Amino acid sequence: MTDKQPPDILVCPSDHTPLAAAEKSLLSKLNQAIAAGRVKNRAGRLVEEPLEGGLVRRDQTLLYPIIDNIPVLLIDEAISLDHI
């Protein structure tokens, strides 16, 4: 799923805007920050595992992780991109 655009039905559960596949450069930056222990999800839990992919909200402020090729579209699991 990370190599293709997600289906149009996938939207942000918070504001219902479309989601797009995260660019590899963004995932690389995010995984570096995860390795450094600087990334928390919206629930405040530290993200400890590198991401294989993600879906980014149109405004580029949130990323929903893709784990085992399954998009995790839970608001608490979203990762803020404000500091990345």
Protein backbone atom coordinates (compact mmCIF):
# COMPACT_ATOMS: atom_id res chain seq x y z
CA MET A 1 0.00 0.00 0.00
CA THR A 2 2.87 2.38 0.59
CA ASP A 3 3.85 2.42 -3.10
CA LYS A 4 0.40 3.36 -4.38
CA GLN A 5 -2.11 6.06 -3.65
CA PRO A 6 -4.69 4.89 -1.06
CA PRO A 7 -8.29 4.41 -2.12
CA ASP A 8 -10.45 7.54 -2.07
CA ILE A 9 -12.52 6.10 0.75
CA LEU A 10 -9.65 6.52 3.25
CA VAL A 11 -10.13 9.79 5.10
CA CYS A 12 -8.94 11.27 8.36
CA PRO A 13 -11.27 10.09 11.14
CA SER A 14 -10.88 13.46 12.85
CA ASP A 15 -11.85 15.90 10.08
CA HIS A 16 -12.75 13.60 7.14
CA THR A 17 -10.20 15.10 4.75
CA PRO A 18 -8.56 12.77 2.22
CA LEU A 19 -5.38 10.93 3.11
CA ALA A 20 -2.39 10.42 0.82
CA ALA A 21 0.49 7.97 1.00
CA ALA A 22 3.47 9.38 2.90
CA GLU A 23 6.55 10.17 0.85
CA LYS A 24 9.63 8.03 1.50
CA SER A 25 11.59 11.12 2.56
CA LEU A 26 9.01 11.91 5.26
CA LEU A 27 9.06 8.32 6.51
CA SER A 28 12.84 8.41 6.65
CA LYS A 29 12.83 11.61 8.72
CA LEU A 30 10.12 10.25 10.98
CA ASN A 31 11.94 6.95 11.50
CA GLN A 32 15.11 8.84 12.48
CA ALA A 33 13.11 10.78 15.06
CA ILE A 34 11.51 7.53 16.30
CA ALA A 35 14.96 5.95 16.71
CA ALA A 36 16.01 9.00 18.75
CA GLY A 37 12.98 8.61 21.03
CA ARG A 38 11.38 11.92 19.99
CA VAL A 39 8.04 10.76 18.54
CA LYS A 40 4.78 10.33 20.42
CA ASN A 41 1.33 9.63 19.08
CA ARG A 42 -1.71 11.77 19.90
CA ALA A 43 -2.41 9.62 22.97
CA GLY A 44 1.02 10.62 24.31
CA ARG A 45 2.57 7.17 23.92
CA LEU A 46 6.13 6.94 22.63
CA VAL A 47 6.33 5.44 19.13
CA GLU A 48 9.03 2.78 19.42
CA GLU A 49 8.87 0.84 16.14
CA PRO A 50 9.94 2.27 12.78
CA LEU A 51 7.13 2.85 10.32
CA GLU A 52 6.82 0.90 7.08
CA GLY A 53 4.36 3.44 5.72
CA GLY A 54 1.80 6.04 6.60
CA LEU A 55 -1.14 8.06 5.40
CA VAL A 56 -0.84 11.83 5.65
CA ARG A 57 -3.71 14.24 6.06
CA ARG A 58 -4.12 16.86 3.34
CA ASP A 59 -2.87 19.67 5.62
CA GLN A 60 0.32 17.67 6.33
CA THR A 61 -0.14 17.88 10.12
CA LEU A 62 -0.94 14.25 10.96
CA LEU A 63 0.26 10.85 9.83
CA TYR A 64 -1.67 7.64 10.43
CA PRO A 65 0.73 4.68 10.55
CA ILE A 66 0.52 1.64 8.33
CA ILE A 67 1.40 -1.50 10.30
CA ASP A 68 1.62 -4.89 8.56
CA ASN A 69 0.11 -3.25 5.45
CA ILE A 70 -2.97 -2.17 7.42
CA PRO A 71 -3.72 1.54 7.90
CA VAL A 72 -4.32 2.33 11.56
CA LEU A 73 -6.97 5.04 11.33
CA LEU A 74 -7.42 5.67 15.04
CA ILE A 75 -7.15 9.28 16.17
CA ASP A 76 -5.05 8.37 19.22
CA GLU A 77 -2.53 6.52 17.01
CA ALA A 78 -1.99 9.48 14.68
CA ILE A 79 1.45 11.11 14.79
CA SER A 80 1.78 14.88 14.71
CA LEU A 81 4.11 16.12 11.98
CA ASP A 82 4.47 19.62 13.45
CA HIS A 83 7.95 18.94 14.84
CA ILE A 84 9.31 16.59 12.21
